[in-house]
Amino acid sequence: MSYDTNTDFSNLPAKDRILLTAHDLFYRDGIRATGIDKVIAESGVTKVTFYRHFPSKNDLIRAFLEYRHRRWMDWFVDAIKRHGGKPGGGLMPLVPVLEEWFCNPIYRGCAFINAVAELGGVLPDVVEICSMHKQDMVRTIAGLLPENESRQRLAYAAATAIDGAIVRAQLESKTADKRESLQSLSVLLAALERT
């Protein structure tokens, strides 16, 4: 997934500039840590323009999560194909997919796990949006498994293992030659495939 926090958004319409600026700031610095004034300043809009498009920070948070969902899922599906994934072909392409993501210099974990941790008790619809994202991820993973009665159960187990690897990768050194999170995930996915 290509992210460039130095991207020039100045030629975009105001609403897109606000959303893309918020996307980068919310992902990099956290949702609570990013104030509306910072989004306004970095997107180059006035307060009036900001509030015309997003009446509250909560509206911007919802838009950020919906945008992030579409962007991340498009990348995930494409990355699976690039790493040899195919319907019924097995789970192992997920390891290099995640390695690609984890090695991104601005990797800061899963925006949806982070959002639930930050806001789950305050904004219940954040949990709903994040749950929808995880359900789409499970459906995509299920497509890698052969069709049988245990397909959904195994896809859910794989998604849970992936979420654990995502969190674990946040704790690892960016320069680690062998990422423990990916090694552990590889072992778990191989075991799930044998189930």
N, C-alpha and C. Protein backbone atom coordinates (compact mmCIF):
# COMPACT_ATOMS: atom_id res chain seq x y z
N MET A 1 0.86 -1.15 0.00
CA MET A 1 0.00 0.00 0.00
C MET A 1 0.91 1.21 0.00
N SER A 2 0.67 2.06 -0.92
CA SER A 2 1.54 3.22 -1.04
C SER A 2 0.93 4.41 -0.31
N TYR A 3 1.66 4.90 0.68
CA TYR A 3 1.24 6.10 1.39
C TYR A 3 2.38 7.09 1.31
N ASP A 4 2.05 8.30 1.04
CA ASP A 4 3.06 9.34 1.03
C ASP A 4 2.49 10.54 1.78
N THR A 5 2.95 10.76 2.98
CA THR A 5 2.40 11.85 3.78
C THR A 5 2.82 13.21 3.25
N ASN A 6 3.71 13.23 2.26
CA ASN A 6 4.12 14.50 1.67
C ASN A 6 3.40 14.76 0.34
N THR A 7 2.33 14.03 0.09
CA THR A 7 1.58 14.20 -1.14
C THR A 7 0.96 15.59 -1.19
N ASP A 8 1.00 16.20 -2.37
CA ASP A 8 0.41 17.51 -2.57
C ASP A 8 -1.05 17.33 -2.96
N PHE A 9 -1.96 17.73 -2.07
CA PHE A 9 -3.39 17.61 -2.32
C PHE A 9 -3.98 18.92 -2.82
N SER A 10 -3.15 19.92 -3.07
CA SER A 10 -3.64 21.28 -3.32
C SER A 10 -4.53 21.39 -4.56
N ASN A 11 -4.39 20.51 -5.52
CA ASN A 11 -5.21 20.60 -6.73
C ASN A 11 -6.56 19.91 -6.60
N LEU A 12 -6.81 19.27 -5.48
CA LEU A 12 -8.06 18.54 -5.29
C LEU A 12 -9.14 19.46 -4.75
N PRO A 13 -10.41 19.07 -4.94
CA PRO A 13 -11.49 19.84 -4.31
C PRO A 13 -11.32 19.84 -2.78
N ALA A 14 -11.87 20.84 -2.13
CA ALA A 14 -11.69 21.03 -0.69
C ALA A 14 -12.08 19.79 0.12
N LYS A 15 -13.21 19.19 -0.19
CA LYS A 15 -13.66 18.03 0.58
C LYS A 15 -12.66 16.89 0.50
N ASP A 16 -12.12 16.64 -0.70
CA ASP A 16 -11.11 15.59 -0.88
C ASP A 16 -9.83 15.93 -0.14
N ARG A 17 -9.41 17.20 -0.19
CA ARG A 17 -8.20 17.61 0.55
C ARG A 17 -8.35 17.37 2.03
N ILE A 18 -9.52 17.73 2.55
CA ILE A 18 -9.78 17.53 3.99
C ILE A 18 -9.72 16.04 4.33
N LEU A 19 -10.41 15.22 3.55
CA LEU A 19 -10.47 13.79 3.83
C LEU A 19 -9.10 13.13 3.72
N LEU A 20 -8.37 13.43 2.67
CA LEU A 20 -7.05 12.81 2.49
C LEU A 20 -6.05 13.28 3.54
N THR A 21 -6.13 14.55 3.90
CA THR A 21 -5.27 15.06 4.97
C THR A 21 -5.60 14.37 6.29
N ALA A 22 -6.90 14.29 6.59
CA ALA A 22 -7.32 13.61 7.82
C ALA A 22 -6.89 12.15 7.80
N HIS A 23 -7.02 11.51 6.65
CA HIS A 23 -6.60 10.11 6.53
C HIS A 23 -5.15 9.94 6.97
N ASP A 24 -4.28 10.75 6.40
CA ASP A 24 -2.86 10.62 6.73
C ASP A 24 -2.58 10.96 8.19
N LEU A 25 -3.20 12.02 8.68
CA LEU A 25 -2.96 12.42 10.08
C LEU A 25 -3.57 11.44 11.07
N PHE A 26 -4.80 11.02 10.85
CA PHE A 26 -5.45 10.06 11.76
C PHE A 26 -4.66 8.76 11.81
N TYR A 27 -4.20 8.28 10.65
CA TYR A 27 -3.45 7.02 10.64
C TYR A 27 -2.08 7.19 11.30
N ARG A 28 -1.41 8.27 11.00
CA ARG A 28 -0.05 8.47 11.52
C ARG A 28 -0.03 8.83 13.00
N ASP A 29 -0.91 9.77 13.40
CA ASP A 29 -0.83 10.32 14.75
C ASP A 29 -1.92 9.83 15.70
N GLY A 30 -2.96 9.23 15.16
CA GLY A 30 -4.10 8.80 15.96
C GLY A 30 -5.25 9.77 15.80
N ILE A 31 -6.45 9.27 15.99
CA ILE A 31 -7.65 10.09 15.80
C ILE A 31 -7.79 11.12 16.90
N ARG A 32 -7.67 10.69 18.14
CA ARG A 32 -7.83 11.64 19.26
C ARG A 32 -6.73 12.68 19.29
N ALA A 33 -5.53 12.29 18.89
CA ALA A 33 -4.40 13.21 18.95
C ALA A 33 -4.42 14.26 17.84
N THR A 34 -5.26 14.04 16.83
CA THR A 34 -5.32 14.95 15.70
C THR A 34 -6.52 15.88 15.85
N GLY A 35 -6.25 17.12 16.08
CA GLY A 35 -7.32 18.10 16.23
C GLY A 35 -7.81 18.63 14.89
N ILE A 36 -9.01 19.14 14.89
CA ILE A 36 -9.61 19.70 13.69
C ILE A 36 -8.77 20.87 13.16
N ASP A 37 -8.21 21.68 14.06
CA ASP A 37 -7.39 22.82 13.61
C ASP A 37 -6.19 22.35 12.78
N LYS A 38 -5.60 21.23 13.17
CA LYS A 38 -4.46 20.70 12.41
C LYS A 38 -4.91 20.23 11.03
N VAL A 39 -6.06 19.54 10.97
CA VAL A 39 -6.59 19.09 9.67
C VAL A 39 -6.88 20.30 8.78
N ILE A 40 -7.49 21.32 9.35
CA ILE A 40 -7.81 22.53 8.59
C ILE A 40 -6.53 23.18 8.07
N ALA A 41 -5.55 23.35 8.93
CA ALA A 41 -4.29 24.00 8.53
C ALA A 41 -3.57 23.20 7.44
N GLU A 42 -3.47 21.88 7.63
CA GLU A 42 -2.71 21.08 6.68
C GLU A 42 -3.45 20.84 5.37
N SER A 43 -4.77 20.94 5.39
CA SER A 43 -5.52 20.77 4.14
C SER A 43 -5.68 22.10 3.40
N GLY A 44 -5.35 23.19 4.06
CA GLY A 44 -5.38 24.49 3.41
C GLY A 44 -6.78 25.03 3.15
N VAL A 45 -7.70 24.71 4.04
CA VAL A 45 -9.07 25.22 3.91
C VAL A 45 -9.39 26.12 5.10
N THR A 46 -10.49 26.83 4.98
CA THR A 46 -10.94 27.65 6.09
C THR A 46 -11.84 26.81 7.00
N LYS A 47 -12.09 27.31 8.20
CA LYS A 47 -13.00 26.61 9.12
C LYS A 47 -14.39 26.51 8.52
N VAL A 48 -14.82 27.56 7.86
CA VAL A 48 -16.15 27.55 7.24
C VAL A 48 -16.23 26.43 6.20
N THR A 49 -15.22 26.32 5.38
CA THR A 49 -15.19 25.27 4.35
C THR A 49 -15.17 23.90 5.00
N PHE A 50 -14.34 23.75 6.02
CA PHE A 50 -14.28 22.46 6.72
C PHE A 50 -15.67 22.06 7.22
N TYR A 51 -16.30 22.94 7.98
CA TYR A 51 -17.59 22.60 8.60
C TYR A 51 -18.73 22.50 7.59
N ARG A 52 -18.57 23.09 6.43
CA ARG A 52 -19.56 22.90 5.36
C ARG A 52 -19.54 21.44 4.89
N HIS A 53 -18.37 20.85 4.82
CA HIS A 53 -18.23 19.48 4.34
C HIS A 53 -18.35 18.44 5.46
N PHE A 54 -17.87 18.79 6.64
CA PHE A 54 -17.89 17.87 7.78
C PHE A 54 -18.37 18.65 9.01
N PRO A 55 -19.67 18.57 9.31
CA PRO A 55 -20.23 19.36 10.41
C PRO A 55 -19.60 19.10 11.78
N SER A 56 -18.94 17.94 11.93
CA SER A 56 -18.28 17.64 13.20
C SER A 56 -17.08 16.73 12.94
N LYS A 57 -16.23 16.62 13.95
CA LYS A 57 -15.10 15.70 13.83
C LYS A 57 -15.60 14.27 13.69
N ASN A 58 -16.70 13.94 14.35
CA ASN A 58 -17.25 12.59 14.24
C ASN A 58 -17.65 12.26 12.80
N ASP A 59 -18.18 13.24 12.07
CA ASP A 59 -18.51 13.03 10.66
C ASP A 59 -17.24 12.75 9.86
N LEU A 60 -16.17 13.47 10.17
CA LEU A 60 -14.90 13.25 9.49
C LEU A 60 -14.33 11.88 9.84
N ILE A 61 -14.46 11.46 11.08
CA ILE A 61 -13.97 10.15 11.50
C ILE A 61 -14.69 9.05 10.71
N ARG A 62 -16.00 9.15 10.61
CA ARG A 62 -16.76 8.15 9.85
C ARG A 62 -16.32 8.12 8.38
N ALA A 63 -16.16 9.31 7.79
CA ALA A 63 -15.72 9.39 6.39
C ALA A 63 -14.32 8.80 6.23
N PHE A 64 -13.43 9.09 7.19
CA PHE A 64 -12.08 8.53 7.17
C PHE A 64 -12.13 7.00 7.18
N LEU A 65 -12.93 6.43 8.08
CA LEU A 65 -12.99 4.96 8.18
C LEU A 65 -13.59 4.33 6.93
N GLU A 66 -14.61 4.96 6.35
CA GLU A 66 -15.20 4.42 5.13
C GLU A 66 -14.22 4.50 3.96
N TYR A 67 -13.50 5.63 3.87
CA TYR A 67 -12.48 5.79 2.83
C TYR A 67 -11.35 4.78 3.04
N ARG A 68 -10.89 4.66 4.26
CA ARG A 68 -9.80 3.74 4.58
C ARG A 68 -10.20 2.31 4.25
N HIS A 69 -11.45 1.95 4.53
CA HIS A 69 -11.94 0.61 4.22
C HIS A 69 -11.82 0.33 2.72
N ARG A 70 -12.34 1.22 1.90
CA ARG A 70 -12.29 1.00 0.45
C ARG A 70 -10.84 0.92 -0.03
N ARG A 71 -10.02 1.84 0.43
CA ARG A 71 -8.62 1.90 0.00
C ARG A 71 -7.85 0.64 0.43
N TRP A 72 -8.04 0.24 1.69
CA TRP A 72 -7.29 -0.91 2.19
C TRP A 72 -7.76 -2.21 1.53
N MET A 73 -9.06 -2.37 1.38
CA MET A 73 -9.57 -3.60 0.76
C MET A 73 -9.14 -3.69 -0.70
N ASP A 74 -9.13 -2.60 -1.45
CA ASP A 74 -8.64 -2.62 -2.83
C ASP A 74 -7.18 -3.06 -2.86
N TRP A 75 -6.38 -2.50 -1.94
CA TRP A 75 -4.97 -2.90 -1.88
C TRP A 75 -4.85 -4.38 -1.50
N PHE A 76 -5.60 -4.83 -0.51
CA PHE A 76 -5.52 -6.20 -0.02
C PHE A 76 -5.85 -7.21 -1.11
N VAL A 77 -6.93 -7.00 -1.82
CA VAL A 77 -7.33 -7.91 -2.90
C VAL A 77 -6.26 -7.92 -4.00
N ASP A 78 -5.77 -6.74 -4.37
CA ASP A 78 -4.73 -6.66 -5.40
C ASP A 78 -3.45 -7.34 -4.94
N ALA A 79 -3.05 -7.11 -3.69
CA ALA A 79 -1.82 -7.70 -3.17
C ALA A 79 -1.91 -9.23 -3.11
N ILE A 80 -3.07 -9.75 -2.76
CA ILE A 80 -3.26 -11.20 -2.74
C ILE A 80 -3.01 -11.77 -4.14
N LYS A 81 -3.57 -11.14 -5.15
CA LYS A 81 -3.36 -11.60 -6.53
C LYS A 81 -1.90 -11.50 -6.92
N ARG A 82 -1.25 -10.37 -6.59
CA ARG A 82 0.16 -10.18 -6.93
C ARG A 82 1.06 -11.21 -6.28
N HIS A 83 0.64 -11.73 -5.11
CA HIS A 83 1.45 -12.71 -4.40
C HIS A 83 0.97 -14.14 -4.64
N GLY A 84 0.23 -14.34 -5.72
CA GLY A 84 -0.12 -15.69 -6.15
C GLY A 84 -1.40 -16.26 -5.57
N GLY A 85 -2.16 -15.47 -4.86
CA GLY A 85 -3.41 -15.98 -4.30
C GLY A 85 -4.45 -16.21 -5.38
N LYS A 86 -5.20 -17.28 -5.22
CA LYS A 86 -6.28 -17.58 -6.16
C LYS A 86 -7.37 -18.33 -5.42
N PRO A 87 -8.59 -18.33 -5.96
CA PRO A 87 -9.70 -19.01 -5.28
C PRO A 87 -9.36 -20.47 -4.96
N GLY A 88 -9.51 -20.83 -3.69
CA GLY A 88 -9.24 -22.19 -3.25
C GLY A 88 -7.78 -22.56 -3.20
N GLY A 89 -6.88 -21.60 -3.47
CA GLY A 89 -5.45 -21.90 -3.56
C GLY A 89 -4.71 -21.93 -2.24
N GLY A 90 -5.36 -21.57 -1.16
CA GLY A 90 -4.71 -21.63 0.14
C GLY A 90 -4.36 -20.26 0.71
N LEU A 91 -3.99 -20.29 1.97
CA LEU A 91 -3.78 -19.07 2.75
C LEU A 91 -2.37 -18.49 2.69
N MET A 92 -1.40 -19.25 2.23
CA MET A 92 0.00 -18.82 2.36
C MET A 92 0.34 -17.51 1.63
N PRO A 93 -0.35 -17.12 0.55
CA PRO A 93 -0.05 -15.80 -0.04
C PRO A 93 -0.29 -14.64 0.93
N LEU A 94 -1.06 -14.87 1.99
CA LEU A 94 -1.31 -13.81 2.96
C LEU A 94 -0.04 -13.38 3.68
N VAL A 95 0.93 -14.27 3.83
CA VAL A 95 2.16 -13.92 4.54
C VAL A 95 2.95 -12.84 3.78
N PRO A 96 3.25 -13.03 2.47
CA PRO A 96 3.97 -11.96 1.79
C PRO A 96 3.12 -10.68 1.62
N VAL A 97 1.80 -10.83 1.57
CA VAL A 97 0.92 -9.65 1.51
C VAL A 97 1.14 -8.80 2.76
N LEU A 98 1.08 -9.45 3.91
CA LEU A 98 1.25 -8.71 5.16
C LEU A 98 2.68 -8.20 5.33
N GLU A 99 3.64 -8.97 4.85
CA GLU A 99 5.02 -8.50 4.92
C GLU A 99 5.18 -7.20 4.13
N GLU A 100 4.54 -7.14 2.96
CA GLU A 100 4.59 -5.92 2.14
C GLU A 100 4.05 -4.73 2.95
N TRP A 101 2.94 -4.95 3.63
CA TRP A 101 2.32 -3.88 4.42
C TRP A 101 3.17 -3.51 5.63
N PHE A 102 3.62 -4.54 6.37
CA PHE A 102 4.39 -4.30 7.58
C PHE A 102 5.70 -3.56 7.29
N CYS A 103 6.26 -3.76 6.11
CA CYS A 103 7.54 -3.13 5.76
C CYS A 103 7.37 -1.69 5.25
N ASN A 104 6.14 -1.25 5.09
CA ASN A 104 5.91 0.12 4.67
C ASN A 104 6.45 1.06 5.76
N PRO A 105 7.24 2.05 5.39
CA PRO A 105 7.85 2.92 6.41
C PRO A 105 6.86 3.62 7.34
N ILE A 106 5.63 3.82 6.91
CA ILE A 106 4.69 4.50 7.79
C ILE A 106 3.65 3.55 8.37
N TYR A 107 3.94 2.25 8.36
CA TYR A 107 3.04 1.27 8.95
C TYR A 107 2.77 1.61 10.41
N ARG A 108 1.50 1.68 10.77
CA ARG A 108 1.12 1.94 12.16
C ARG A 108 -0.04 1.04 12.56
N GLY A 109 -0.02 -0.17 12.04
CA GLY A 109 -1.05 -1.13 12.41
C GLY A 109 -2.33 -0.95 11.62
N CYS A 110 -3.36 -1.57 12.11
CA CYS A 110 -4.67 -1.54 11.47
C CYS A 110 -5.44 -0.31 11.94
N ALA A 111 -5.85 0.52 11.01
CA ALA A 111 -6.60 1.73 11.36
C ALA A 111 -7.90 1.38 12.07
N PHE A 112 -8.45 0.20 11.81
CA PHE A 112 -9.73 -0.18 12.40
C PHE A 112 -9.56 -0.70 13.83
N ILE A 113 -8.53 -1.48 14.05
CA ILE A 113 -8.21 -1.91 15.42
C ILE A 113 -7.88 -0.67 16.26
N ASN A 114 -7.08 0.22 15.69
CA ASN A 114 -6.70 1.44 16.40
C ASN A 114 -7.92 2.31 16.71
N ALA A 115 -8.83 2.42 15.75
CA ALA A 115 -10.03 3.26 15.95
C ALA A 115 -10.93 2.70 17.04
N VAL A 116 -11.10 1.38 17.06
CA VAL A 116 -11.93 0.78 18.12
C VAL A 116 -11.27 0.99 19.48
N ALA A 117 -9.95 0.84 19.53
CA ALA A 117 -9.24 1.07 20.80
C ALA A 117 -9.39 2.51 21.27
N GLU A 118 -9.34 3.44 20.34
CA GLU A 118 -9.45 4.86 20.70
C GLU A 118 -10.88 5.31 20.98
N LEU A 119 -11.83 4.82 20.18
CA LEU A 119 -13.17 5.42 20.18
C LEU A 119 -14.32 4.45 20.37
N GLY A 120 -14.05 3.17 20.49
CA GLY A 120 -15.12 2.18 20.54
C GLY A 120 -16.16 2.42 21.60
N GLY A 121 -15.76 2.90 22.74
CA GLY A 121 -16.73 3.16 23.81
C GLY A 121 -17.42 4.49 23.69
N VAL A 122 -16.90 5.37 22.84
CA VAL A 122 -17.44 6.72 22.71
C VAL A 122 -18.35 6.86 21.48
N LEU A 123 -17.95 6.23 20.38
CA LEU A 123 -18.71 6.30 19.13
C LEU A 123 -19.08 4.88 18.69
N PRO A 124 -20.25 4.39 19.08
CA PRO A 124 -20.62 3.01 18.75
C PRO A 124 -20.64 2.72 17.25
N ASP A 125 -20.93 3.72 16.42
CA ASP A 125 -20.93 3.44 14.99
C ASP A 125 -19.52 3.21 14.44
N VAL A 126 -18.49 3.63 15.17
CA VAL A 126 -17.12 3.30 14.79
C VAL A 126 -16.93 1.79 14.87
N VAL A 127 -17.45 1.18 15.91
CA VAL A 127 -17.36 -0.28 16.06
C VAL A 127 -18.08 -0.96 14.90
N GLU A 128 -19.23 -0.43 14.51
CA GLU A 128 -20.00 -1.01 13.41
C GLU A 128 -19.23 -0.93 12.08
N ILE A 129 -18.65 0.22 11.79
CA ILE A 129 -17.86 0.38 10.56
C ILE A 129 -16.65 -0.55 10.58
N CYS A 130 -15.98 -0.63 11.72
CA CYS A 130 -14.80 -1.49 11.84
C CYS A 130 -15.17 -2.96 11.73
N SER A 131 -16.30 -3.33 12.30
CA SER A 131 -16.78 -4.71 12.20
C SER A 131 -17.07 -5.07 10.74
N MET A 132 -17.68 -4.16 10.00
CA MET A 132 -17.95 -4.38 8.58
C MET A 132 -16.63 -4.59 7.82
N HIS A 133 -15.62 -3.80 8.15
CA HIS A 133 -14.32 -3.96 7.51
C HIS A 133 -13.75 -5.36 7.76
N LYS A 134 -13.81 -5.79 9.01
CA LYS A 134 -13.27 -7.10 9.35
C LYS A 134 -14.08 -8.22 8.69
N GLN A 135 -15.38 -8.05 8.55
CA GLN A 135 -16.21 -9.05 7.86
C GLN A 135 -15.81 -9.15 6.38
N ASP A 136 -15.55 -8.01 5.74
CA ASP A 136 -15.09 -8.04 4.34
C ASP A 136 -13.74 -8.73 4.23
N MET A 137 -12.88 -8.49 5.20
CA MET A 137 -11.58 -9.15 5.21
C MET A 137 -11.75 -10.67 5.32
N VAL A 138 -12.64 -11.12 6.21
CA VAL A 138 -12.90 -12.56 6.36
C VAL A 138 -13.44 -13.15 5.06
N ARG A 139 -14.34 -12.44 4.39
CA ARG A 139 -14.89 -12.93 3.11
C ARG A 139 -13.79 -13.08 2.06
N THR A 140 -12.88 -12.12 2.02
CA THR A 140 -11.77 -12.20 1.06
C THR A 140 -10.86 -13.38 1.39
N ILE A 141 -10.58 -13.58 2.65
CA ILE A 141 -9.75 -14.71 3.08
C ILE A 141 -10.45 -16.03 2.76
N ALA A 142 -11.75 -16.09 2.99
CA ALA A 142 -12.51 -17.32 2.71
C ALA A 142 -12.38 -17.72 1.25
N GLY A 143 -12.28 -16.74 0.37
CA GLY A 143 -12.13 -17.03 -1.06
C GLY A 143 -10.85 -17.77 -1.39
N LEU A 144 -9.87 -17.72 -0.49
CA LEU A 144 -8.61 -18.44 -0.72
C LEU A 144 -8.69 -19.91 -0.31
N LEU A 145 -9.76 -20.26 0.38
CA LEU A 145 -9.91 -21.62 0.91
C LEU A 145 -10.82 -22.45 0.02
N PRO A 146 -10.60 -23.77 -0.01
CA PRO A 146 -11.51 -24.63 -0.76
C PRO A 146 -12.92 -24.56 -0.18
N GLU A 147 -13.91 -24.71 -1.03
CA GLU A 147 -15.29 -24.69 -0.56
C GLU A 147 -15.59 -25.98 0.19
N ASN A 148 -15.88 -25.85 1.47
CA ASN A 148 -16.30 -26.98 2.30
C ASN A 148 -16.98 -26.44 3.54
N GLU A 149 -17.42 -27.32 4.41
CA GLU A 149 -18.20 -26.90 5.58
C GLU A 149 -17.38 -26.12 6.61
N SER A 150 -16.07 -26.22 6.59
CA SER A 150 -15.25 -25.51 7.57
C SER A 150 -14.64 -24.21 7.02
N ARG A 151 -14.98 -23.86 5.80
CA ARG A 151 -14.38 -22.70 5.14
C ARG A 151 -14.52 -21.41 5.96
N GLN A 152 -15.73 -21.08 6.40
CA GLN A 152 -15.94 -19.84 7.14
C GLN A 152 -15.23 -19.85 8.48
N ARG A 153 -15.28 -20.98 9.16
CA ARG A 153 -14.63 -21.10 10.46
C ARG A 153 -13.12 -20.90 10.32
N LEU A 154 -12.53 -21.50 9.27
CA LEU A 154 -11.09 -21.36 9.04
C LEU A 154 -10.73 -19.94 8.62
N ALA A 155 -11.58 -19.31 7.81
CA ALA A 155 -11.33 -17.93 7.40
C ALA A 155 -11.36 -17.00 8.61
N TYR A 156 -12.31 -17.23 9.50
CA TYR A 156 -12.40 -16.41 10.71
C TYR A 156 -11.15 -16.62 11.58
N ALA A 157 -10.71 -17.87 11.72
CA ALA A 157 -9.51 -18.16 12.51
C ALA A 157 -8.28 -17.50 11.88
N ALA A 158 -8.19 -17.55 10.55
CA ALA A 158 -7.06 -16.91 9.86
C ALA A 158 -7.09 -15.40 10.07
N ALA A 159 -8.28 -14.80 9.99
CA ALA A 159 -8.41 -13.36 10.19
C ALA A 159 -8.00 -12.97 11.62
N THR A 160 -8.36 -13.80 12.57
CA THR A 160 -7.98 -13.54 13.96
C THR A 160 -6.46 -13.62 14.12
N ALA A 161 -5.85 -14.60 13.48
CA ALA A 161 -4.39 -14.72 13.51
C ALA A 161 -3.73 -13.52 12.84
N ILE A 162 -4.32 -13.06 11.74
CA ILE A 162 -3.79 -11.89 11.04
C ILE A 162 -3.88 -10.65 11.92
N ASP A 163 -5.03 -10.47 12.59
CA ASP A 163 -5.15 -9.32 13.49
C ASP A 163 -4.09 -9.36 14.59
N GLY A 164 -3.81 -10.55 15.10
CA GLY A 164 -2.76 -10.68 16.10
C GLY A 164 -1.39 -10.32 15.54
N ALA A 165 -1.12 -10.75 14.30
CA ALA A 165 0.16 -10.44 13.66
C ALA A 165 0.28 -8.94 13.39
N ILE A 166 -0.85 -8.30 13.05
CA ILE A 166 -0.85 -6.86 12.81
C ILE A 166 -0.45 -6.11 14.08
N VAL A 167 -1.05 -6.48 15.19
CA VAL A 167 -0.73 -5.82 16.46
C VAL A 167 0.72 -6.13 16.86
N ARG A 168 1.12 -7.37 16.72
CA ARG A 168 2.49 -7.77 17.07
C ARG A 168 3.53 -7.02 16.24
N ALA A 169 3.22 -6.82 14.94
CA ALA A 169 4.16 -6.13 14.06
C ALA A 169 4.40 -4.69 14.50
N GLN A 170 3.41 -4.09 15.16
CA GLN A 170 3.59 -2.73 15.67
C GLN A 170 4.65 -2.67 16.77
N LEU A 171 4.88 -3.78 17.44
CA LEU A 171 5.84 -3.83 18.53
C LEU A 171 7.25 -4.19 18.07
N GLU A 172 7.36 -4.68 16.85
CA GLU A 172 8.66 -5.16 16.36
C GLU A 172 9.50 -4.03 15.80
N SER A 173 10.79 -4.25 15.80
CA SER A 173 11.72 -3.31 15.20
C SER A 173 11.48 -3.25 13.70
N LYS A 174 11.50 -2.05 13.15
CA LYS A 174 11.30 -1.88 11.70
C LYS A 174 12.43 -2.50 10.89
N THR A 175 13.58 -2.71 11.53
CA THR A 175 14.73 -3.23 10.80
C THR A 175 14.94 -4.72 11.01
N ALA A 176 14.01 -5.38 11.66
CA ALA A 176 14.16 -6.81 11.94
C ALA A 176 14.24 -7.59 10.62
N ASP A 177 15.28 -8.43 10.49
CA ASP A 177 15.42 -9.26 9.30
C ASP A 177 14.32 -10.29 9.23
N LYS A 178 14.05 -10.93 10.33
CA LYS A 178 13.01 -11.96 10.40
C LYS A 178 11.96 -11.48 11.38
N ARG A 179 10.83 -11.15 10.88
CA ARG A 179 9.77 -10.65 11.74
C ARG A 179 9.06 -11.82 12.42
N GLU A 180 9.08 -11.80 13.72
CA GLU A 180 8.43 -12.85 14.50
C GLU A 180 6.93 -12.92 14.18
N SER A 181 6.31 -11.77 13.98
CA SER A 181 4.88 -11.75 13.67
C SER A 181 4.58 -12.54 12.40
N LEU A 182 5.41 -12.39 11.37
CA LEU A 182 5.18 -13.10 10.11
C LEU A 182 5.53 -14.57 10.23
N GLN A 183 6.58 -14.89 10.98
CA GLN A 183 6.93 -16.30 11.18
C GLN A 183 5.82 -17.03 11.92
N SER A 184 5.31 -16.41 12.96
CA SER A 184 4.23 -17.03 13.73
C SER A 184 2.97 -17.16 12.87
N LEU A 185 2.66 -16.14 12.11
CA LEU A 185 1.49 -16.18 11.24
C LEU A 185 1.62 -17.30 10.21
N SER A 186 2.79 -17.46 9.65
CA SER A 186 3.03 -18.51 8.67
C SER A 186 2.76 -19.89 9.27
N VAL A 187 3.23 -20.11 10.48
CA VAL A 187 3.00 -21.39 11.18
C VAL A 187 1.51 -21.61 11.40
N LEU A 188 0.81 -20.57 11.87
CA LEU A 188 -0.62 -20.69 12.14
C LEU A 188 -1.43 -20.94 10.87
N LEU A 189 -1.12 -20.21 9.81
CA LEU A 189 -1.87 -20.40 8.56
C LEU A 189 -1.62 -21.78 7.97
N ALA A 190 -0.40 -22.25 8.04
CA ALA A 190 -0.11 -23.62 7.55
C ALA A 190 -0.89 -24.65 8.36
N ALA A 191 -0.96 -24.45 9.66
CA ALA A 191 -1.73 -25.39 10.51
C ALA A 191 -3.21 -25.33 10.17
N LEU A 192 -3.74 -24.14 9.94
CA LEU A 192 -5.16 -24.01 9.57
C LEU A 192 -5.46 -24.72 8.24
N GLU A 193 -4.54 -24.62 7.31
CA GLU A 193 -4.76 -25.28 6.02
C GLU A 193 -4.82 -26.80 6.15
N ARG A 194 -4.13 -27.33 7.14
CA ARG A 194 -4.14 -28.78 7.35
C ARG A 194 -5.38 -29.26 8.10
N THR A 195 -6.15 -28.30 8.64
CA THR A 195 -7.32 -28.66 9.44
C THR A 195 -8.43 -29.22 8.59
